[in-house]
């Protein structure tokens, strides 16, 4: 997965996630919405087969959008680690 920044201001971040699809974009968007300073968290894939997801994140200015994305990604990492530990309890 490759991340490239398209636009960045103190309250807005637009970035592309080459190699990602709806799965990662949806979960990241959902986690971003849990942030109390996030005002916009959405994404768009212009073409379903060849489009590159473009994420848009806006904050109220209390935190920078990059920090909101980093916090959301870290929260997801912790949740996945917890899920992985729970799975280890079962014999598959």
N, C-alpha and C. Protein backbone atom coordinates (compact mmCIF):
# COMPACT_ATOMS: atom_id res chain seq x y z
N UNK A 1 0.85 -1.16 0.00
CA UNK A 1 0.00 0.00 0.00
C UNK A 1 0.91 1.24 0.00
N UNK A 2 0.55 2.19 -0.80
CA UNK A 2 1.33 3.42 -0.92
C UNK A 2 0.44 4.61 -0.62
N UNK A 3 0.90 5.48 0.28
CA UNK A 3 0.15 6.66 0.67
C UNK A 3 0.82 7.89 0.06
N UNK A 4 0.02 8.73 -0.59
CA UNK A 4 0.56 9.99 -1.12
C UNK A 4 -0.40 11.12 -0.78
N UNK A 5 0.17 12.21 -0.30
CA UNK A 5 -0.62 13.37 0.11
C UNK A 5 -0.94 14.22 -1.12
N UNK A 6 -2.22 14.53 -1.27
CA UNK A 6 -2.71 15.35 -2.38
C UNK A 6 -2.85 16.80 -1.94
N UNK A 7 -3.34 17.00 -0.72
CA UNK A 7 -3.57 18.35 -0.20
C UNK A 7 -3.38 18.32 1.32
N UNK A 8 -2.76 19.36 1.85
CA UNK A 8 -2.59 19.44 3.30
C UNK A 8 -2.65 20.89 3.77
N UNK A 9 -3.56 21.15 4.70
CA UNK A 9 -3.65 22.44 5.37
C UNK A 9 -3.73 22.14 6.87
N UNK A 10 -3.71 23.13 7.73
CA UNK A 10 -3.80 22.86 9.17
C UNK A 10 -5.07 22.12 9.60
N UNK A 11 -6.15 22.24 8.83
CA UNK A 11 -7.41 21.58 9.20
C UNK A 11 -7.88 20.53 8.21
N UNK A 12 -7.17 20.34 7.11
CA UNK A 12 -7.65 19.43 6.06
C UNK A 12 -6.49 18.62 5.50
N UNK A 13 -6.77 17.33 5.27
CA UNK A 13 -5.80 16.44 4.66
C UNK A 13 -6.52 15.58 3.63
N UNK A 14 -5.97 15.55 2.43
CA UNK A 14 -6.49 14.68 1.37
C UNK A 14 -5.31 13.81 0.95
N UNK A 15 -5.52 12.50 0.98
CA UNK A 15 -4.44 11.60 0.58
C UNK A 15 -5.00 10.39 -0.17
N UNK A 16 -4.16 9.81 -0.99
CA UNK A 16 -4.52 8.62 -1.76
C UNK A 16 -3.86 7.40 -1.14
N UNK A 17 -4.58 6.28 -1.20
CA UNK A 17 -4.10 5.02 -0.67
C UNK A 17 -4.01 4.00 -1.80
N UNK A 18 -2.97 4.09 -2.58
CA UNK A 18 -2.81 3.17 -3.71
C UNK A 18 -2.62 1.75 -3.18
N UNK A 19 -3.42 0.84 -3.71
CA UNK A 19 -3.36 -0.55 -3.29
C UNK A 19 -4.39 -0.91 -2.23
N UNK A 20 -5.13 0.08 -1.75
CA UNK A 20 -6.16 -0.18 -0.74
C UNK A 20 -7.52 -0.28 -1.42
N UNK A 21 -8.48 -0.80 -0.70
CA UNK A 21 -9.83 -0.92 -1.22
C UNK A 21 -10.83 -0.45 -0.18
N UNK A 22 -12.07 -0.80 -0.38
CA UNK A 22 -13.13 -0.37 0.52
C UNK A 22 -12.92 -0.86 1.96
N UNK A 23 -12.35 -2.04 2.12
CA UNK A 23 -12.21 -2.61 3.46
C UNK A 23 -11.41 -1.70 4.37
N UNK A 24 -10.20 -1.38 3.98
CA UNK A 24 -9.34 -0.55 4.82
C UNK A 24 -9.88 0.88 4.91
N UNK A 25 -10.41 1.40 3.82
CA UNK A 25 -10.94 2.77 3.82
C UNK A 25 -12.14 2.90 4.75
N UNK A 26 -13.04 1.94 4.72
CA UNK A 26 -14.22 1.98 5.59
C UNK A 26 -13.86 1.91 7.06
N UNK A 27 -12.96 1.00 7.41
CA UNK A 27 -12.60 0.86 8.82
C UNK A 27 -11.85 2.08 9.32
N UNK A 28 -10.99 2.66 8.47
CA UNK A 28 -10.27 3.88 8.85
C UNK A 28 -11.23 5.05 9.00
N UNK A 29 -12.17 5.16 8.07
CA UNK A 29 -13.18 6.22 8.15
C UNK A 29 -13.99 6.10 9.44
N UNK A 30 -14.41 4.90 9.74
CA UNK A 30 -15.21 4.68 10.97
C UNK A 30 -14.42 5.04 12.21
N UNK A 31 -13.17 4.65 12.25
CA UNK A 31 -12.33 4.95 13.41
C UNK A 31 -12.07 6.45 13.51
N UNK A 32 -11.88 7.13 12.39
CA UNK A 32 -11.68 8.58 12.40
C UNK A 32 -12.89 9.29 13.00
N UNK A 33 -14.09 8.81 12.68
CA UNK A 33 -15.30 9.45 13.19
C UNK A 33 -15.41 9.36 14.71
N UNK A 34 -14.66 8.48 15.33
CA UNK A 34 -14.66 8.38 16.79
C UNK A 34 -13.86 9.51 17.43
N UNK A 35 -13.02 10.18 16.65
CA UNK A 35 -12.22 11.29 17.17
C UNK A 35 -13.08 12.52 17.41
N UNK A 36 -12.96 13.11 18.60
CA UNK A 36 -13.84 14.24 18.94
C UNK A 36 -13.52 15.51 18.17
N UNK A 37 -12.34 15.60 17.56
CA UNK A 37 -11.97 16.80 16.81
C UNK A 37 -12.16 16.63 15.30
N UNK A 38 -12.58 15.45 14.88
CA UNK A 38 -12.77 15.18 13.45
C UNK A 38 -14.13 15.72 13.02
N UNK A 39 -14.14 16.51 11.96
CA UNK A 39 -15.37 17.09 11.43
C UNK A 39 -15.79 16.43 10.12
N UNK A 40 -14.82 15.94 9.35
CA UNK A 40 -15.09 15.23 8.10
C UNK A 40 -14.15 14.05 8.02
N UNK A 41 -14.69 12.90 7.67
CA UNK A 41 -13.89 11.71 7.42
C UNK A 41 -14.64 10.91 6.36
N UNK A 42 -14.09 10.88 5.17
CA UNK A 42 -14.75 10.18 4.08
C UNK A 42 -13.71 9.76 3.06
N UNK A 43 -14.16 8.99 2.09
CA UNK A 43 -13.28 8.60 1.00
C UNK A 43 -14.09 8.41 -0.26
N UNK A 44 -13.37 8.37 -1.38
CA UNK A 44 -14.01 8.16 -2.67
C UNK A 44 -13.08 7.29 -3.53
N UNK A 45 -13.69 6.38 -4.28
CA UNK A 45 -12.96 5.61 -5.28
C UNK A 45 -13.65 5.91 -6.60
N UNK A 46 -12.97 6.67 -7.46
CA UNK A 46 -13.59 7.18 -8.69
C UNK A 46 -14.05 6.07 -9.62
N UNK A 47 -13.29 5.01 -9.73
CA UNK A 47 -13.66 3.89 -10.60
C UNK A 47 -13.51 2.60 -9.81
N UNK A 48 -14.54 1.76 -9.79
CA UNK A 48 -14.50 0.57 -8.93
C UNK A 48 -13.41 -0.44 -9.28
N UNK A 49 -12.93 -0.45 -10.49
CA UNK A 49 -11.92 -1.44 -10.87
C UNK A 49 -10.50 -0.89 -10.85
N UNK A 50 -10.33 0.36 -11.23
CA UNK A 50 -8.97 0.89 -11.34
C UNK A 50 -8.76 2.17 -10.53
N UNK A 51 -9.74 2.60 -9.78
CA UNK A 51 -9.62 3.84 -9.03
C UNK A 51 -8.74 3.69 -7.80
N UNK A 52 -8.09 4.76 -7.44
CA UNK A 52 -7.28 4.83 -6.23
C UNK A 52 -8.10 5.53 -5.16
N UNK A 53 -8.26 4.91 -3.98
CA UNK A 53 -9.04 5.56 -2.92
C UNK A 53 -8.42 6.90 -2.51
N UNK A 54 -9.27 7.89 -2.38
CA UNK A 54 -8.85 9.21 -1.93
C UNK A 54 -9.59 9.50 -0.63
N UNK A 55 -8.83 9.66 0.46
CA UNK A 55 -9.40 9.95 1.78
C UNK A 55 -9.38 11.45 2.02
N UNK A 56 -10.42 11.95 2.66
CA UNK A 56 -10.52 13.35 3.04
C UNK A 56 -10.79 13.41 4.54
N UNK A 57 -9.93 14.13 5.25
CA UNK A 57 -10.07 14.26 6.69
C UNK A 57 -9.98 15.74 7.04
N UNK A 58 -10.96 16.21 7.79
CA UNK A 58 -10.94 17.60 8.27
C UNK A 58 -11.16 17.59 9.78
N UNK A 59 -10.45 18.47 10.46
CA UNK A 59 -10.59 18.59 11.91
C UNK A 59 -11.04 20.00 12.27
N UNK A 60 -11.33 20.19 13.54
CA UNK A 60 -11.73 21.51 14.03
C UNK A 60 -10.54 22.42 14.29
N UNK A 61 -9.34 21.93 14.08
CA UNK A 61 -8.13 22.71 14.29
C UNK A 61 -7.44 22.44 15.62
N UNK A 62 -8.12 21.75 16.53
CA UNK A 62 -7.51 21.41 17.81
C UNK A 62 -6.36 20.41 17.62
N UNK A 63 -6.51 19.52 16.65
CA UNK A 63 -5.42 18.62 16.27
C UNK A 63 -5.27 18.68 14.75
N UNK A 64 -4.11 18.34 14.29
CA UNK A 64 -3.89 18.32 12.85
C UNK A 64 -4.48 17.04 12.27
N UNK A 65 -4.94 17.09 11.03
CA UNK A 65 -5.52 15.91 10.41
C UNK A 65 -4.57 14.71 10.37
N UNK A 66 -3.28 14.94 10.17
CA UNK A 66 -2.31 13.83 10.19
C UNK A 66 -2.32 13.12 11.53
N UNK A 67 -2.44 13.89 12.61
CA UNK A 67 -2.49 13.31 13.96
C UNK A 67 -3.76 12.49 14.12
N UNK A 68 -4.88 12.97 13.59
CA UNK A 68 -6.14 12.23 13.67
C UNK A 68 -6.01 10.89 12.94
N UNK A 69 -5.39 10.91 11.77
CA UNK A 69 -5.21 9.66 11.00
C UNK A 69 -4.27 8.72 11.74
N UNK A 70 -3.17 9.25 12.27
CA UNK A 70 -2.21 8.43 13.01
C UNK A 70 -2.87 7.81 14.24
N UNK A 71 -3.65 8.60 14.97
CA UNK A 71 -4.35 8.08 16.15
C UNK A 71 -5.34 6.99 15.78
N UNK A 72 -6.09 7.20 14.69
CA UNK A 72 -7.06 6.20 14.24
C UNK A 72 -6.36 4.91 13.82
N UNK A 73 -5.25 5.03 13.11
CA UNK A 73 -4.50 3.84 12.67
C UNK A 73 -3.94 3.09 13.88
N UNK A 74 -3.46 3.81 14.86
CA UNK A 74 -2.92 3.17 16.07
C UNK A 74 -4.02 2.45 16.84
N UNK A 75 -5.19 3.06 16.92
CA UNK A 75 -6.32 2.42 17.58
C UNK A 75 -6.72 1.14 16.85
N UNK A 76 -6.72 1.19 15.54
CA UNK A 76 -7.03 -0.02 14.75
C UNK A 76 -5.99 -1.10 14.96
N UNK A 77 -4.72 -0.69 15.03
CA UNK A 77 -3.64 -1.67 15.25
C UNK A 77 -3.86 -2.40 16.57
N UNK A 78 -4.23 -1.66 17.62
CA UNK A 78 -4.47 -2.27 18.93
C UNK A 78 -5.67 -3.21 18.88
N UNK A 79 -6.73 -2.82 18.21
CA UNK A 79 -7.91 -3.67 18.10
C UNK A 79 -7.60 -4.97 17.37
N UNK A 80 -6.81 -4.87 16.31
CA UNK A 80 -6.44 -6.06 15.55
C UNK A 80 -5.56 -6.98 16.40
N UNK A 81 -4.66 -6.41 17.17
CA UNK A 81 -3.80 -7.20 18.06
C UNK A 81 -4.64 -7.95 19.10
N UNK A 82 -5.64 -7.26 19.66
CA UNK A 82 -6.54 -7.91 20.63
C UNK A 82 -7.32 -9.03 19.97
N UNK A 83 -7.81 -8.80 18.77
CA UNK A 83 -8.55 -9.82 18.04
C UNK A 83 -7.66 -11.03 17.77
N UNK A 84 -6.44 -10.77 17.38
CA UNK A 84 -5.48 -11.85 17.11
C UNK A 84 -5.25 -12.69 18.36
N UNK A 85 -5.14 -12.04 19.52
CA UNK A 85 -4.96 -12.78 20.77
C UNK A 85 -6.18 -13.65 21.08
N UNK A 86 -7.36 -13.12 20.82
CA UNK A 86 -8.58 -13.90 21.06
C UNK A 86 -8.63 -15.12 20.14
N UNK A 87 -8.20 -14.94 18.90
CA UNK A 87 -8.20 -16.06 17.95
C UNK A 87 -7.26 -17.17 18.38
N UNK A 88 -6.17 -16.82 19.05
CA UNK A 88 -5.20 -17.82 19.49
C UNK A 88 -5.78 -18.79 20.51
N UNK A 89 -6.89 -18.40 21.14
CA UNK A 89 -7.54 -19.26 22.13
C UNK A 89 -8.23 -20.46 21.48
N UNK A 90 -8.47 -20.37 20.19
CA UNK A 90 -9.18 -21.42 19.47
C UNK A 90 -8.23 -22.24 18.64
N UNK A 91 -8.54 -23.48 18.48
CA UNK A 91 -7.76 -24.35 17.58
C UNK A 91 -8.50 -24.40 16.26
N UNK A 92 -7.87 -23.92 15.22
CA UNK A 92 -8.51 -23.89 13.92
C UNK A 92 -8.07 -25.05 13.11
